[in-house]
Amino acid sequence: MKVFLDLDSCIVDFNRGTHRAFGKIYNPKTGPTQWNYYREWGITFEEFNAVCTTEFWIGLDFMHDGLDIFDAVSNKFPDKDIYFLTAPMPNPGSWPGKVEWVRRHFSTFWKRLIITQAPKSLLAKPDTLLVDDKDENIAEFVAAGGQGILVPRPWNELHGWANETLQVVKNSLEGLKT
């Protein structure tokens, strides 16, 4: 089985980075609760995107449970079957920043990094798995014939399990059709 593991907000703490960039307080276990949270700050998408430079991406932290999620996936599947699958921001620094982040933190995985604006569901087949925090990505991937694990976060339908993310991911991995 090929596994596609999302970076932003699954492994990498994109939200902490944006909160830091705009001087906002951040708690990874309670928020934000929506995708376009920057609007609550009175910030336009253009202003939000402008901070997402190469240096921004390189400087991002792991999610509080990001390494544990990666370890759970890599304990279930061989490394050769795991790929990072991520969508870039429009900022031209997004692509090289994401590549460098993966190179620094997962040196053997940077060659298995897929950055695309195309729908993730294009990679769906019965022997593929998407691990992602976005409801829509999982629903489309499953509808296209793949399997999916939704990582509980405060902004998705599994928000009630956001404090039990690792256990939900582990249980979901055990219940897969392989």
C-alpha atoms as a PDB file:
ATOM      1  CA  MET A   1       0.000   0.000   0.000  1.00  0.00           C
ATOM      2  CA  LYS A   2       1.202   3.518  -0.814  1.00  0.00           C
ATOM      3  CA  VAL A   3       0.642   6.037   1.963  1.00  0.00           C
ATOM      4  CA  PHE A   4       0.283   9.764   1.320  1.00  0.00           C
ATOM      5  CA  LEU A   5       0.861  11.763   4.480  1.00  0.00           C
ATOM      6  CA  ASP A   6      -0.165  15.421   4.550  1.00  0.00           C
ATOM      7  CA  LEU A   7       2.352  17.870   5.996  1.00  0.00           C
ATOM      8  CA  ASP A   8       0.523  21.031   7.078  1.00  0.00           C
ATOM      9  CA  SER A   9      -1.328  20.595  10.364  1.00  0.00           C
ATOM     10  CA  CYS A  10      -0.699  16.841  10.413  1.00  0.00           C
ATOM     11  CA  ILE A  11       3.075  16.804  10.801  1.00  0.00           C
ATOM     12  CA  VAL A  12       4.042  20.496  10.503  1.00  0.00           C
ATOM     13  CA  ASP A  13       2.482  23.181  12.701  1.00  0.00           C
ATOM     14  CA  PHE A  14       1.491  25.666  10.002  1.00  0.00           C
ATOM     15  CA  ASN A  15      -1.051  27.321  12.293  1.00  0.00           C
ATOM     16  CA  ARG A  16       1.522  28.024  15.024  1.00  0.00           C
ATOM     17  CA  GLY A  17       3.749  29.580  12.367  1.00  0.00           C
ATOM     18  CA  THR A  18       1.048  31.904  11.085  1.00  0.00           C
ATOM     19  CA  HIS A  19      -0.005  32.877  14.593  1.00  0.00           C
ATOM     20  CA  ARG A  20       3.628  33.673  15.399  1.00  0.00           C
ATOM     21  CA  ALA A  21       4.028  35.672  12.156  1.00  0.00           C
ATOM     22  CA  PHE A  22       1.057  37.866  13.077  1.00  0.00           C
ATOM     23  CA  GLY A  23       1.783  38.096  16.826  1.00  0.00           C
ATOM     24  CA  LYS A  24      -1.256  36.027  17.853  1.00  0.00           C
ATOM     25  CA  ILE A  25      -1.579  33.605  20.773  1.00  0.00           C
ATOM     26  CA  TYR A  26      -1.859  29.963  19.709  1.00  0.00           C
ATOM     27  CA  ASN A  27      -2.975  26.763  21.428  1.00  0.00           C
ATOM     28  CA  PRO A  28      -2.648  23.679  19.179  1.00  0.00           C
ATOM     29  CA  LYS A  29      -5.264  21.717  21.114  1.00  0.00           C
ATOM     30  CA  THR A  30      -8.041  24.310  20.929  1.00  0.00           C
ATOM     31  CA  GLY A  31      -7.738  26.207  17.716  1.00  0.00           C
ATOM     32  CA  PRO A  32      -8.161  27.572  15.256  1.00  0.00           C
ATOM     33  CA  THR A  33     -11.576  26.076  14.560  1.00  0.00           C
ATOM     34  CA  GLN A  34     -11.895  27.085  10.906  1.00  0.00           C
ATOM     35  CA  TRP A  35      -9.702  27.154   7.795  1.00  0.00           C
ATOM     36  CA  ASN A  36      -9.795  30.874   7.142  1.00  0.00           C
ATOM     37  CA  TYR A  37      -9.067  31.907  10.741  1.00  0.00           C
ATOM     38  CA  TYR A  38      -6.953  34.850   9.575  1.00  0.00           C
ATOM     39  CA  ARG A  39     -10.167  36.691   8.668  1.00  0.00           C
ATOM     40  CA  GLU A  40     -10.935  36.946  12.397  1.00  0.00           C
ATOM     41  CA  TRP A  41      -7.736  39.019  12.646  1.00  0.00           C
ATOM     42  CA  GLY A  42      -8.876  41.423   9.913  1.00  0.00           C
ATOM     43  CA  ILE A  43      -6.207  40.080   7.566  1.00  0.00           C
ATOM     44  CA  THR A  44      -6.807  39.456   3.876  1.00  0.00           C
ATOM     45  CA  PHE A  45      -5.706  36.285   2.135  1.00  0.00           C
ATOM     46  CA  GLU A  46      -3.099  38.317   0.270  1.00  0.00           C
ATOM     47  CA  GLU A  47      -1.587  39.530   3.568  1.00  0.00           C
ATOM     48  CA  PHE A  48      -1.763  35.999   4.985  1.00  0.00           C
ATOM     49  CA  ASN A  49      -0.080  34.513   1.921  1.00  0.00           C
ATOM     50  CA  ALA A  50       2.646  37.193   1.953  1.00  0.00           C
ATOM     51  CA  VAL A  51       4.166  35.838   5.192  1.00  0.00           C
ATOM     52  CA  CYS A  52       4.438  32.301   3.765  1.00  0.00           C
ATOM     53  CA  THR A  53       7.958  32.806   2.413  1.00  0.00           C
ATOM     54  CA  THR A  54      10.675  30.188   2.060  1.00  0.00           C
ATOM     55  CA  GLU A  55      12.065  31.208   5.464  1.00  0.00           C
ATOM     56  CA  PHE A  56       8.601  30.919   7.027  1.00  0.00           C
ATOM     57  CA  TRP A  57       8.234  27.293   5.871  1.00  0.00           C
ATOM     58  CA  ILE A  58      11.767  26.331   6.879  1.00  0.00           C
ATOM     59  CA  GLY A  59      11.174  27.731  10.367  1.00  0.00           C
ATOM     60  CA  LEU A  60       7.961  25.845  11.098  1.00  0.00           C
ATOM     61  CA  ASP A  61       7.783  23.536  14.109  1.00  0.00           C
ATOM     62  CA  PHE A  62       6.402  20.019  14.272  1.00  0.00           C
ATOM     63  CA  MET A  63       2.813  19.652  15.428  1.00  0.00           C
ATOM     64  CA  HIS A  64       2.759  18.642  19.100  1.00  0.00           C
ATOM     65  CA  ASP A  65       1.940  15.094  17.935  1.00  0.00           C
ATOM     66  CA  GLY A  66       3.409  15.268  14.418  1.00  0.00           C
ATOM     67  CA  LEU A  67       6.374  12.982  14.992  1.00  0.00           C
ATOM     68  CA  ASP A  68       4.143  10.499  16.811  1.00  0.00           C
ATOM     69  CA  ILE A  69       1.762  10.415  13.841  1.00  0.00           C
ATOM     70  CA  PHE A  70       4.676   9.877  11.472  1.00  0.00           C
ATOM     71  CA  ASP A  71       6.045   7.109  13.725  1.00  0.00           C
ATOM     72  CA  ALA A  72       2.645   5.387  13.872  1.00  0.00           C
ATOM     73  CA  VAL A  73       2.452   5.379  10.068  1.00  0.00           C
ATOM     74  CA  SER A  74       6.062   4.263   9.627  1.00  0.00           C
ATOM     75  CA  ASN A  75       5.591   1.467  12.177  1.00  0.00           C
ATOM     76  CA  LYS A  76       2.732   0.128  10.051  1.00  0.00           C
ATOM     77  CA  PHE A  77       4.250   0.631   6.568  1.00  0.00           C
ATOM     78  CA  PRO A  78       7.766   0.406   5.146  1.00  0.00           C
ATOM     79  CA  ASP A  79       9.423   3.782   4.547  1.00  0.00           C
ATOM     80  CA  LYS A  80       9.608   3.069   0.812  1.00  0.00           C
ATOM     81  CA  ASP A  81       5.775   3.176   0.699  1.00  0.00           C
ATOM     82  CA  ILE A  82       5.350   6.508   2.515  1.00  0.00           C
ATOM     83  CA  TYR A  83       5.160   9.819   0.650  1.00  0.00           C
ATOM     84  CA  PHE A  84       4.521  13.334   1.873  1.00  0.00           C
ATOM     85  CA  LEU A  85       1.694  14.920  -0.136  1.00  0.00           C
ATOM     86  CA  THR A  86       1.129  18.623   0.351  1.00  0.00           C
ATOM     87  CA  ALA A  87      -0.471  21.605  -1.352  1.00  0.00           C
ATOM     88  CA  PRO A  88       1.529  24.813  -1.718  1.00  0.00           C
ATOM     89  CA  MET A  89       0.415  28.318  -0.878  1.00  0.00           C
ATOM     90  CA  PRO A  90       0.436  30.741  -3.833  1.00  0.00           C
ATOM     91  CA  ASN A  91       3.539  32.435  -2.364  1.00  0.00           C
ATOM     92  CA  PRO A  92       6.483  31.329  -4.563  1.00  0.00           C
ATOM     93  CA  GLY A  93       8.497  30.625  -1.407  1.00  0.00           C
ATOM     94  CA  SER A  94       6.107  27.845  -0.430  1.00  0.00           C
ATOM     95  CA  TRP A  95       7.600  25.194  -2.724  1.00  0.00           C
ATOM     96  CA  PRO A  96      11.293  25.585  -1.865  1.00  0.00           C
ATOM     97  CA  GLY A  97      10.449  26.145   1.808  1.00  0.00           C
ATOM     98  CA  LYS A  98       8.516  22.888   2.053  1.00  0.00           C
ATOM     99  CA  VAL A  99      11.260  20.974   0.245  1.00  0.00           C
ATOM    100  CA  GLU A 100      13.908  22.350   2.608  1.00  0.00           C
ATOM    101  CA  TRP A 101      11.774  21.651   5.699  1.00  0.00           C
ATOM    102  CA  VAL A 102      11.396  18.004   4.705  1.00  0.00           C
ATOM    103  CA  ARG A 103      15.084  17.758   3.782  1.00  0.00           C
ATOM    104  CA  ARG A 104      16.077  19.062   7.239  1.00  0.00           C
ATOM    105  CA  HIS A 105      13.673  16.948   9.283  1.00  0.00           C
ATOM    106  CA  PHE A 106      13.283  13.792   7.152  1.00  0.00           C
ATOM    107  CA  SER A 107      16.484  13.650   5.137  1.00  0.00           C
ATOM    108  CA  THR A 108      15.638  10.356   3.457  1.00  0.00           C
ATOM    109  CA  PHE A 109      12.112  11.468   2.540  1.00  0.00           C
ATOM    110  CA  TRP A 110      12.717  14.655   0.591  1.00  0.00           C
ATOM    111  CA  LYS A 111      12.772  12.646  -2.637  1.00  0.00           C
ATOM    112  CA  ARG A 112       9.330  11.293  -1.735  1.00  0.00           C
ATOM    113  CA  LEU A 113       7.729  14.710  -1.359  1.00  0.00           C
ATOM    114  CA  ILE A 114       4.846  15.535  -3.701  1.00  0.00           C
ATOM    115  CA  ILE A 115       3.844  19.195  -3.843  1.00  0.00           C
ATOM    116  CA  THR A 116       0.797  19.814  -6.007  1.00  0.00           C
ATOM    117  CA  GLN A 117      -2.202  22.053  -6.360  1.00  0.00           C
ATOM    118  CA  ALA A 118      -4.043  19.216  -8.077  1.00  0.00           C
ATOM    119  CA  PRO A 119      -6.662  17.376  -6.016  1.00  0.00           C
ATOM    120  CA  LYS A 120      -5.103  14.716  -3.812  1.00  0.00           C
ATOM    121  CA  SER A 121      -7.851  12.356  -4.971  1.00  0.00           C
ATOM    122  CA  LEU A 122      -6.076  11.990  -8.331  1.00  0.00           C
ATOM    123  CA  LEU A 123      -3.707   9.584  -6.531  1.00  0.00           C
ATOM    124  CA  ALA A 124      -6.510   7.463  -5.058  1.00  0.00           C
ATOM    125  CA  LYS A 125      -6.610   3.720  -5.792  1.00  0.00           C
ATOM    126  CA  PRO A 126      -7.721   0.795  -3.626  1.00  0.00           C
ATOM    127  CA  ASP A 127      -4.130   0.240  -2.475  1.00  0.00           C
ATOM    128  CA  THR A 128      -3.528   3.863  -1.426  1.00  0.00           C
ATOM    129  CA  LEU A 129      -4.076   5.672   1.865  1.00  0.00           C
ATOM    130  CA  LEU A 130      -4.320   9.399   2.533  1.00  0.00           C
ATOM    131  CA  VAL A 131      -3.670  10.660   6.072  1.00  0.00           C
ATOM    132  CA  ASP A 132      -4.882  14.273   6.183  1.00  0.00           C
ATOM    133  CA  ASP A 133      -6.558  16.802   8.498  1.00  0.00           C
ATOM    134  CA  LYS A 134      -8.961  18.208   5.904  1.00  0.00           C
ATOM    135  CA  ASP A 135     -12.398  16.559   5.744  1.00  0.00           C
ATOM    136  CA  GLU A 136     -12.842  17.402   2.066  1.00  0.00           C
ATOM    137  CA  ASN A 137      -9.521  15.822   1.047  1.00  0.00           C
ATOM    138  CA  ILE A 138     -10.363  12.562   2.821  1.00  0.00           C
ATOM    139  CA  ALA A 139     -13.926  12.435   1.445  1.00  0.00           C
ATOM    140  CA  GLU A 140     -12.730  13.023  -2.144  1.00  0.00           C
ATOM    141  CA  PHE A 141      -9.895  10.485  -1.796  1.00  0.00           C
ATOM    142  CA  VAL A 142     -12.247   7.790  -0.477  1.00  0.00           C
ATOM    143  CA  ALA A 143     -14.878   8.611  -3.136  1.00  0.00           C
ATOM    144  CA  ALA A 144     -12.172   8.161  -5.782  1.00  0.00           C
ATOM    145  CA  GLY A 145     -11.391   4.651  -4.512  1.00  0.00           C
ATOM    146  CA  GLY A 146      -8.631   5.156  -1.932  1.00  0.00           C
ATOM    147  CA  GLN A 147      -8.647   4.773   1.817  1.00  0.00           C
ATOM    148  CA  GLY A 148      -8.417   7.681   4.223  1.00  0.00           C
ATOM    149  CA  ILE A 149      -7.635   8.556   7.802  1.00  0.00           C
ATOM    150  CA  LEU A 150      -8.859  11.921   9.014  1.00  0.00           C
ATOM    151  CA  VAL A 151      -6.480  13.307  11.640  1.00  0.00           C
ATOM    152  CA  PRO A 152      -8.645  14.875  14.359  1.00  0.00           C
ATOM    153  CA  ARG A 153      -8.052  18.606  14.664  1.00  0.00           C
ATOM    154  CA  PRO A 154     -10.179  21.443  16.122  1.00  0.00           C
ATOM    155  CA  TRP A 155     -11.254  22.516  12.585  1.00  0.00           C
ATOM    156  CA  ASN A 156     -12.579  19.210  11.222  1.00  0.00           C
ATOM    157  CA  GLU A 157     -15.507  16.882  11.872  1.00  0.00           C
ATOM    158  CA  LEU A 158     -13.457  14.851  14.371  1.00  0.00           C
ATOM    159  CA  HIS A 159     -12.819  17.949  16.506  1.00  0.00           C
ATOM    160  CA  GLY A 160     -14.250  16.148  19.545  1.00  0.00           C
ATOM    161  CA  TRP A 161     -11.298  13.750  19.337  1.00  0.00           C
ATOM    162  CA  ALA A 162      -8.636  16.449  18.850  1.00  0.00           C
ATOM    163  CA  ASN A 163      -7.045  15.626  22.218  1.00  0.00           C
ATOM    164  CA  GLU A 164      -6.886  11.929  21.289  1.00  0.00           C
ATOM    165  CA  THR A 165      -5.389  12.357  17.816  1.00  0.00           C
ATOM    166  CA  LEU A 166      -2.631   9.782  18.116  1.00  0.00           C
ATOM    167  CA  GLN A 167      -4.949   7.080  19.442  1.00  0.00           C
ATOM    168  CA  VAL A 168      -7.490   7.762  16.691  1.00  0.00           C
ATOM    169  CA  VAL A 169      -4.761   7.521  14.046  1.00  0.00           C
ATOM    170  CA  LYS A 170      -3.372   4.280  15.547  1.00  0.00           C
ATOM    171  CA  ASN A 171      -6.855   2.726  15.757  1.00  0.00           C
ATOM    172  CA  SER A 172      -7.584   3.775  12.168  1.00  0.00           C
ATOM    173  CA  LEU A 173      -4.312   2.261  10.967  1.00  0.00           C
ATOM    174  CA  GLU A 174      -5.220  -1.029  12.636  1.00  0.00           C
ATOM    175  CA  GLY A 175      -8.638  -1.042  10.940  1.00  0.00           C
ATOM    176  CA  LEU A 176      -7.322  -0.572   7.392  1.00  0.00           C
ATOM    177  CA  LYS A 177      -8.008  -2.970   4.549  1.00  0.00           C
ATOM    178  CA  THR A 178      -4.515  -3.985   3.434  1.00  0.00           C
END
